[in-house]
PDB file of all heavy atoms in Angstrom:
ATOM      1  N   PRO A   1      -3.191   3.719  29.261  1.00  0.00           N
ATOM      2  CA  PRO A   1      -3.814   2.491  28.942  1.00  0.00           C
ATOM      3  C   PRO A   1      -3.139   1.996  27.629  1.00  0.00           C
ATOM      4  O   PRO A   1      -3.578   0.814  27.282  1.00  0.00           O
ATOM      5  CB  PRO A   1      -5.236   2.911  28.740  1.00  0.00           C
ATOM      6  CG  PRO A   1      -5.233   4.391  28.369  1.00  0.00           C
ATOM      7  CD  PRO A   1      -4.013   4.942  29.144  1.00  0.00           C
ATOM      8  N   ALA A   2      -2.339   2.589  27.063  1.00  0.00           N
ATOM      9  CA  ALA A   2      -1.555   1.987  25.820  1.00  0.00           C
ATOM     10  C   ALA A   2      -0.556   1.009  26.228  1.00  0.00           C
ATOM     11  O   ALA A   2      -0.209   0.222  25.357  1.00  0.00           O
ATOM     12  CB  ALA A   2      -0.896   3.237  25.082  1.00  0.00           C
ATOM     13  N   ILE A   3      -0.185   0.974  27.550  1.00  0.00           N
ATOM     14  CA  ILE A   3       0.922   0.082  27.916  1.00  0.00           C
ATOM     15  C   ILE A   3       0.422  -1.397  27.864  1.00  0.00           C
ATOM     16  O   ILE A   3      -0.656  -1.766  28.343  1.00  0.00           O
ATOM     17  CB  ILE A   3       1.351   0.382  29.316  1.00  0.00           C
ATOM     18  CG1 ILE A   3       2.135   1.842  29.281  1.00  0.00           C
ATOM     19  CG2 ILE A   3       2.401  -0.694  29.859  1.00  0.00           C
ATOM     20  CD1 ILE A   3       2.481   2.212  30.714  1.00  0.00           C
ATOM     21  N   ASP A   4       1.210  -2.198  27.127  1.00  0.00           N
ATOM     22  CA  ASP A   4       0.872  -3.589  26.916  1.00  0.00           C
ATOM     23  C   ASP A   4      -0.491  -3.895  26.310  1.00  0.00           C
ATOM     24  O   ASP A   4      -1.075  -5.028  26.447  1.00  0.00           O
ATOM     25  CB  ASP A   4       0.942  -4.382  28.372  1.00  0.00           C
ATOM     26  CG  ASP A   4       2.293  -4.371  28.941  1.00  0.00           C
ATOM     27  OD1 ASP A   4       3.278  -4.006  28.199  1.00  0.00           O
ATOM     28  OD2 ASP A   4       2.351  -4.673  30.189  1.00  0.00           O
ATOM     29  N   ALA A   5      -0.944  -2.882  25.621  1.00  0.00           N
ATOM     30  CA  ALA A   5      -2.465  -3.092  25.042  1.00  0.00           C
ATOM     31  C   ALA A   5      -2.543  -3.267  23.557  1.00  0.00           C
ATOM     32  O   ALA A   5      -3.559  -3.286  22.922  1.00  0.00           O
ATOM     33  CB  ALA A   5      -3.265  -1.863  25.399  1.00  0.00           C
ATOM     34  N   GLY A   6      -1.308  -3.284  22.842  1.00  0.00           N
ATOM     35  CA  GLY A   6      -1.296  -3.448  21.403  1.00  0.00           C
ATOM     36  C   GLY A   6      -1.538  -4.821  20.942  1.00  0.00           C
ATOM     37  O   GLY A   6      -1.467  -5.829  21.591  1.00  0.00           O
ATOM     38  N   SER A   7      -1.829  -5.010  19.612  1.00  0.00           N
ATOM     39  CA  SER A   7      -1.922  -6.133  18.972  1.00  0.00           C
ATOM     40  C   SER A   7      -0.531  -6.735  18.554  1.00  0.00           C
ATOM     41  O   SER A   7       0.266  -6.034  18.243  1.00  0.00           O
ATOM     42  CB  SER A   7      -2.744  -5.975  17.719  1.00  0.00           C
ATOM     43  OG  SER A   7      -2.746  -7.107  16.854  1.00  0.00           O
ATOM     44  N   ALA A   8      -0.515  -8.070  18.567  1.00  0.00           N
ATOM     45  CA  ALA A   8       0.803  -8.757  18.212  1.00  0.00           C
ATOM     46  C   ALA A   8       0.865  -8.999  16.679  1.00  0.00           C
ATOM     47  O   ALA A   8       1.821  -9.578  16.203  1.00  0.00           O
ATOM     48  CB  ALA A   8       0.835 -10.124  18.938  1.00  0.00           C
ATOM     49  N   SER A   9      -0.147  -8.421  15.914  1.00  0.00           N
ATOM     50  CA  SER A   9      -0.132  -8.718  14.562  1.00  0.00           C
ATOM     51  C   SER A   9       1.055  -8.130  13.836  1.00  0.00           C
ATOM     52  O   SER A   9       1.705  -8.616  12.983  1.00  0.00           O
ATOM     53  CB  SER A   9      -1.502  -8.120  13.881  1.00  0.00           C
ATOM     54  OG  SER A   9      -2.483  -8.736  14.274  1.00  0.00           O
ATOM     55  N   TYR A  10       1.442  -6.882  14.313  1.00  0.00           N
ATOM     56  CA  TYR A  10       2.556  -6.179  13.802  1.00  0.00           C
ATOM     57  C   TYR A  10       3.263  -5.457  14.976  1.00  0.00           C
ATOM     58  O   TYR A  10       2.687  -4.697  15.630  1.00  0.00           O
ATOM     59  CB  TYR A  10       2.258  -5.103  12.702  1.00  0.00           C
ATOM     60  CG  TYR A  10       1.618  -5.810  11.509  1.00  0.00           C
ATOM     61  CD1 TYR A  10       0.248  -5.751  11.322  1.00  0.00           C
ATOM     62  CD2 TYR A  10       2.495  -6.382  10.604  1.00  0.00           C
ATOM     63  CE1 TYR A  10      -0.276  -6.420  10.227  1.00  0.00           C
ATOM     64  CE2 TYR A  10       1.847  -7.040   9.513  1.00  0.00           C
ATOM     65  CZ  TYR A  10       0.420  -7.049   9.333  1.00  0.00           C
ATOM     66  OH  TYR A  10      -0.054  -7.642   8.192  1.00  0.00           O
ATOM     67  N   ILE A  11       4.551  -5.804  15.140  1.00  0.00           N
ATOM     68  CA  ILE A  11       5.316  -5.290  16.179  1.00  0.00           C
ATOM     69  C   ILE A  11       6.521  -4.654  15.679  1.00  0.00           C
ATOM     70  O   ILE A  11       7.411  -5.389  15.051  1.00  0.00           O
ATOM     71  CB  ILE A  11       5.702  -6.325  17.248  1.00  0.00           C
ATOM     72  CG1 ILE A  11       4.246  -6.956  17.951  1.00  0.00           C
ATOM     73  CG2 ILE A  11       6.566  -5.701  18.425  1.00  0.00           C
ATOM     74  CD1 ILE A  11       4.560  -8.066  18.815  1.00  0.00           C
ATOM     75  N   PRO A  12       6.924  -3.386  15.813  1.00  0.00           N
ATOM     76  CA  PRO A  12       8.144  -2.865  15.323  1.00  0.00           C
ATOM     77  C   PRO A  12       9.380  -3.402  16.166  1.00  0.00           C
ATOM     78  O   PRO A  12       9.147  -3.878  17.289  1.00  0.00           O
ATOM     79  CB  PRO A  12       7.900  -1.339  15.629  1.00  0.00           C
ATOM     80  CG  PRO A  12       6.494  -1.057  15.854  1.00  0.00           C
ATOM     81  CD  PRO A  12       6.032  -2.372  16.474  1.00  0.00           C
ATOM     82  N   PRO A  13      10.404  -3.447  15.582  1.00  0.00           N
ATOM     83  CA  PRO A  13      11.716  -3.921  16.221  1.00  0.00           C
ATOM     84  C   PRO A  13      12.045  -3.074  17.430  1.00  0.00           C
ATOM     85  O   PRO A  13      12.680  -3.354  18.304  1.00  0.00           O
ATOM     86  CB  PRO A  13      12.732  -3.988  15.070  1.00  0.00           C
ATOM     87  CG  PRO A  13      12.418  -3.013  14.131  1.00  0.00           C
ATOM     88  CD  PRO A  13      10.850  -3.084  14.138  1.00  0.00           C
ATOM     89  N   ASP A  14      11.722  -1.664  17.306  1.00  0.00           N
ATOM     90  CA  ASP A  14      12.029  -0.670  18.368  1.00  0.00           C
ATOM     91  C   ASP A  14      10.991   0.333  18.321  1.00  0.00           C
ATOM     92  O   ASP A  14       9.936   0.223  17.691  1.00  0.00           O
ATOM     93  CB  ASP A  14      13.402  -0.203  18.062  1.00  0.00           C
ATOM     94  CG  ASP A  14      13.592   0.403  16.600  1.00  0.00           C
ATOM     95  OD1 ASP A  14      12.550   0.695  15.976  1.00  0.00           O
ATOM     96  OD2 ASP A  14      14.698   0.564  16.134  1.00  0.00           O
ATOM     97  N   ASP A  15      11.215   1.374  19.141  1.00  0.00           N
ATOM     98  CA  ASP A  15      10.229   2.501  19.161  1.00  0.00           C
ATOM     99  C   ASP A  15      10.832   3.726  18.637  1.00  0.00           C
ATOM    100  O   ASP A  15      11.952   3.654  18.036  1.00  0.00           O
ATOM    101  CB  ASP A  15       9.738   2.643  20.601  1.00  0.00           C
ATOM    102  CG  ASP A  15      10.754   3.328  21.577  1.00  0.00           C
ATOM    103  OD1 ASP A  15      11.868   3.415  21.161  1.00  0.00           O
ATOM    104  OD2 ASP A  15      10.387   3.581  22.722  1.00  0.00           O
ATOM    105  N   ILE A  16      10.225   4.897  18.798  1.00  0.00           N
ATOM    106  CA  ILE A  16      10.753   6.072  18.218  1.00  0.00           C
ATOM    107  C   ILE A  16      11.951   6.628  18.699  1.00  0.00           C
ATOM    108  O   ILE A  16      12.708   7.348  18.132  1.00  0.00           O
ATOM    109  CB  ILE A  16       9.581   7.226  18.347  1.00  0.00           C
ATOM    110  CG1 ILE A  16      10.012   8.298  17.402  1.00  0.00           C
ATOM    111  CG2 ILE A  16       9.423   7.655  19.678  1.00  0.00           C
ATOM    112  CD1 ILE A  16       8.829   9.404  17.244  1.00  0.00           C
ATOM    113  N   ASP A  17      12.350   6.125  19.915  1.00  0.00           N
ATOM    114  CA  ASP A  17      13.732   6.425  20.545  1.00  0.00           C
ATOM    115  C   ASP A  17      14.726   5.368  20.175  1.00  0.00           C
ATOM    116  O   ASP A  17      15.942   5.561  20.682  1.00  0.00           O
ATOM    117  CB  ASP A  17      13.496   6.517  22.074  1.00  0.00           C
ATOM    118  CG  ASP A  17      12.580   7.526  22.512  1.00  0.00           C
ATOM    119  OD1 ASP A  17      12.655   8.704  21.965  1.00  0.00           O
ATOM    120  OD2 ASP A  17      11.726   7.339  23.378  1.00  0.00           O
ATOM    121  N   GLY A  18      14.316   4.371  19.457  1.00  0.00           N
ATOM    122  CA  GLY A  18      15.263   3.290  19.123  1.00  0.00           C
ATOM    123  C   GLY A  18      15.429   2.256  20.279  1.00  0.00           C
ATOM    124  O   GLY A  18      16.343   1.395  20.172  1.00  0.00           O
ATOM    125  N   GLU A  19      14.565   2.278  21.270  1.00  0.00           N
ATOM    126  CA  GLU A  19      14.543   1.366  22.409  1.00  0.00           C
ATOM    127  C   GLU A  19      13.810   0.133  21.893  1.00  0.00           C
ATOM    128  O   GLU A  19      12.759   0.211  21.297  1.00  0.00           O
ATOM    129  CB  GLU A  19      13.984   1.935  23.554  1.00  0.00           C
ATOM    130  CG  GLU A  19      14.732   3.133  24.067  1.00  0.00           C
ATOM    131  CD  GLU A  19      14.002   3.746  25.377  1.00  0.00           C
ATOM    132  OE1 GLU A  19      12.813   3.528  25.494  1.00  0.00           O
ATOM    133  OE2 GLU A  19      14.754   4.430  26.156  1.00  0.00           O
ATOM    134  N   ALA A  20      14.281  -1.047  22.270  1.00  0.00           N
ATOM    135  CA  ALA A  20      13.805  -2.272  21.812  1.00  0.00           C
ATOM    136  C   ALA A  20      12.322  -2.471  22.342  1.00  0.00           C
ATOM    137  O   ALA A  20      11.983  -2.172  23.550  1.00  0.00           O
ATOM    138  CB  ALA A  20      14.646  -3.477  22.329  1.00  0.00           C
ATOM    139  N   ARG A  21      11.514  -3.070  21.495  1.00  0.00           N
ATOM    140  CA  ARG A  21      10.230  -3.566  21.928  1.00  0.00           C
ATOM    141  C   ARG A  21      10.291  -5.072  22.009  1.00  0.00           C
ATOM    142  O   ARG A  21      11.123  -5.576  21.237  1.00  0.00           O
ATOM    143  CB  ARG A  21       9.138  -3.225  20.855  1.00  0.00           C
ATOM    144  CG  ARG A  21       8.880  -1.748  20.673  1.00  0.00           C
ATOM    145  CD  ARG A  21       7.783  -1.439  19.880  1.00  0.00           C
ATOM    146  NE  ARG A  21       7.443  -0.144  19.485  1.00  0.00           N
ATOM    147  CZ  ARG A  21       6.523   0.655  19.852  1.00  0.00           C
ATOM    148  NH1 ARG A  21       5.748   0.261  20.875  1.00  0.00           N
ATOM    149  NH2 ARG A  21       6.461   1.884  19.361  1.00  0.00           N
ATOM    150  N   ILE A  22       9.656  -5.700  22.869  1.00  0.00           N
ATOM    151  CA  ILE A  22       8.696  -5.374  23.843  1.00  0.00           C
ATOM    152  C   ILE A  22       9.225  -5.212  25.247  1.00  0.00           C
ATOM    153  O   ILE A  22      10.142  -6.115  25.364  1.00  0.00           O
ATOM    154  CB  ILE A  22       7.573  -6.339  23.859  1.00  0.00           C
ATOM    155  CG1 ILE A  22       6.985  -6.739  22.466  1.00  0.00           C
ATOM    156  CG2 ILE A  22       6.511  -6.026  24.773  1.00  0.00           C
ATOM    157  CD1 ILE A  22       5.895  -7.790  22.418  1.00  0.00           C
ATOM    158  N   SER A  23       8.840  -4.313  26.080  1.00  0.00           N
ATOM    159  CA  SER A  23       9.338  -4.276  27.316  1.00  0.00           C
ATOM    160  C   SER A  23       8.523  -4.762  28.437  1.00  0.00           C
ATOM    161  O   SER A  23       9.021  -5.101  29.595  1.00  0.00           O
ATOM    162  CB  SER A  23       9.710  -2.808  27.763  1.00  0.00           C
ATOM    163  OG  SER A  23       8.547  -2.133  28.095  1.00  0.00           O
ATOM    164  N   GLY A  24       7.283  -5.072  28.142  1.00  0.00           N
ATOM    165  CA  GLY A  24       6.253  -5.683  29.021  1.00  0.00           C
ATOM    166  C   GLY A  24       5.778  -7.002  28.629  1.00  0.00           C
ATOM    167  O   GLY A  24       6.353  -7.763  27.897  1.00  0.00           O
ATOM    168  N   LEU A  25       4.470  -7.055  28.815  1.00  0.00           N
ATOM    169  CA  LEU A  25       3.719  -8.359  28.493  1.00  0.00           C
ATOM    170  C   LEU A  25       3.408  -8.364  27.077  1.00  0.00           C
ATOM    171  O   LEU A  25       3.229  -9.517  26.410  1.00  0.00           O
ATOM    172  CB  LEU A  25       2.477  -8.525  29.428  1.00  0.00           C
ATOM    173  CG  LEU A  25       2.718  -8.688  30.884  1.00  0.00           C
ATOM    174  CD1 LEU A  25       1.353  -8.796  31.678  1.00  0.00           C
ATOM    175  CD2 LEU A  25       3.507  -9.791  31.206  1.00  0.00           C
ATOM    176  N   ALA A  26       3.078  -7.152  26.480  1.00  0.00           N
ATOM    177  CA  ALA A  26       2.679  -7.029  25.058  1.00  0.00           C
ATOM    178  C   ALA A  26       3.233  -5.695  24.459  1.00  0.00           C
ATOM    179  O   ALA A  26       3.754  -4.870  25.335  1.00  0.00           O
ATOM    180  CB  ALA A  26       1.138  -7.187  24.876  1.00  0.00           C
ATOM    181  N   VAL A  27       3.212  -5.594  23.143  1.00  0.00           N
ATOM    182  CA  VAL A  27       3.676  -4.214  22.568  1.00  0.00           C
ATOM    183  C   VAL A  27       2.725  -3.080  23.073  1.00  0.00           C
ATOM    184  O   VAL A  27       1.429  -3.289  23.210  1.00  0.00           O
ATOM    185  CB  VAL A  27       3.657  -4.361  21.115  1.00  0.00           C
ATOM    186  CG1 VAL A  27       2.283  -4.460  20.476  1.00  0.00           C
ATOM    187  CG2 VAL A  27       4.374  -3.177  20.505  1.00  0.00           C
ATOM    188  N   ASP A  28       3.229  -1.958  23.318  1.00  0.00           N
ATOM    189  CA  ASP A  28       2.491  -0.741  23.652  1.00  0.00           C
ATOM    190  C   ASP A  28       1.811  -0.158  22.421  1.00  0.00           C
ATOM    191  O   ASP A  28       2.332  -0.308  21.362  1.00  0.00           O
ATOM    192  CB  ASP A  28       3.346   0.325  24.433  1.00  0.00           C
ATOM    193  CG  ASP A  28       3.938  -0.201  25.677  1.00  0.00           C
ATOM    194  OD1 ASP A  28       3.293  -1.323  26.236  1.00  0.00           O
ATOM    195  OD2 ASP A  28       4.880   0.413  26.240  1.00  0.00           O
ATOM    196  N   ILE A  29       0.719   0.471  22.596  1.00  0.00           N
ATOM    197  CA  ILE A  29       0.108   1.321  21.383  1.00  0.00           C
ATOM    198  C   ILE A  29       0.764   2.620  21.264  1.00  0.00           C
ATOM    199  O   ILE A  29       1.209   3.273  22.357  1.00  0.00           O
ATOM    200  CB  ILE A  29      -1.430   1.396  21.562  1.00  0.00           C
ATOM    201  CG1 ILE A  29      -2.074   0.084  21.731  1.00  0.00           C
ATOM    202  CG2 ILE A  29      -1.930   2.256  20.554  1.00  0.00           C
ATOM    203  CD1 ILE A  29      -3.550   0.123  22.078  1.00  0.00           C
ATOM    204  N   GLY A  30       0.939   3.066  20.110  1.00  0.00           N
ATOM    205  CA  GLY A  30       1.700   4.358  19.920  1.00  0.00           C
ATOM    206  C   GLY A  30       3.100   4.119  19.574  1.00  0.00           C
ATOM    207  O   GLY A  30       3.618   3.176  19.277  1.00  0.00           O
ATOM    208  N   ALA A  31       3.793   5.282  19.393  1.00  0.00           N
ATOM    209  CA  ALA A  31       5.143   5.380  18.900  1.00  0.00           C
ATOM    210  C   ALA A  31       6.193   5.032  19.917  1.00  0.00           C
ATOM    211  O   ALA A  31       7.371   4.673  19.666  1.00  0.00           O
ATOM    212  CB  ALA A  31       5.488   6.785  18.210  1.00  0.00           C
ATOM    213  N   ASP A  32       5.658   5.092  21.205  1.00  0.00           N
ATOM    214  CA  ASP A  32       6.698   4.911  22.337  1.00  0.00           C
ATOM    215  C   ASP A  32       6.385   3.642  23.005  1.00  0.00           C
ATOM    216  O   ASP A  32       5.297   3.361  23.271  1.00  0.00           O
ATOM    217  CB  ASP A  32       6.556   6.116  23.263  1.00  0.00           C
ATOM    218  CG  ASP A  32       7.377   5.862  24.567  1.00  0.00           C
ATOM    219  OD1 ASP A  32       8.524   5.478  24.488  1.00  0.00           O
ATOM    220  OD2 ASP A  32       6.743   6.140  25.661  1.00  0.00           O
ATOM    221  N   GLU A  33       7.518   2.858  23.405  1.00  0.00           N
ATOM    222  CA  GLU A  33       7.349   1.729  24.190  1.00  0.00           C
ATOM    223  C   GLU A  33       7.807   2.165  25.626  1.00  0.00           C
ATOM    224  O   GLU A  33       8.948   2.574  25.804  1.00  0.00           O
ATOM    225  CB  GLU A  33       8.298   0.610  23.701  1.00  0.00           C
ATOM    226  CG  GLU A  33       8.180  -0.688  24.529  1.00  0.00           C
ATOM    227  CD  GLU A  33       7.005  -1.516  24.200  1.00  0.00           C
ATOM    228  OE1 GLU A  33       6.242  -1.184  23.307  1.00  0.00           O
ATOM    229  OE2 GLU A  33       6.797  -2.578  24.893  1.00  0.00           O
ATOM    230  N   PHE A  34       6.769   2.061  26.581  1.00  0.00           N
ATOM    231  CA  PHE A  34       7.153   2.506  27.961  1.00  0.00           C
ATOM    232  C   PHE A  34       8.185   1.522  28.721  1.00  0.00           C
ATOM    233  O   PHE A  34       7.813   0.437  28.658  1.00  0.00           O
ATOM    234  CB  PHE A  34       5.855   2.695  28.709  1.00  0.00           C
ATOM    235  CG  PHE A  34       5.916   3.138  30.268  1.00  0.00           C
ATOM    236  CD1 PHE A  34       6.274   4.511  30.371  1.00  0.00           C
ATOM    237  CD2 PHE A  34       6.006   2.157  31.159  1.00  0.00           C
ATOM    238  CE1 PHE A  34       6.496   4.784  31.700  1.00  0.00           C
ATOM    239  CE2 PHE A  34       6.174   2.671  32.534  1.00  0.00           C
ATOM    240  CZ  PHE A  34       6.451   3.995  32.778  1.00  0.00           C
ATOM    241  N   VAL A  35       9.118   2.120  29.191  1.00  0.00           N
ATOM    242  CA  VAL A  35      10.141   1.376  29.912  1.00  0.00           C
ATOM    243  C   VAL A  35      10.206   1.896  31.216  1.00  0.00           C
ATOM    244  O   VAL A  35      10.674   3.078  31.409  1.00  0.00           O
ATOM    245  CB  VAL A  35      11.520   1.480  29.239  1.00  0.00           C
ATOM    246  CG1 VAL A  35      12.615   0.657  29.929  1.00  0.00           C
ATOM    247  CG2 VAL A  35      11.438   0.946  27.757  1.00  0.00           C
TER     248      VAL A  35
END
């Protein structure tokens, strides 16, 4: 349920793996951006 569920107030440039955010409709919650 974290996928595409995050707030747009603050969006990191990437995730813990260095992969670019955002990959879906909105930023994912947590350290990982699901791809």
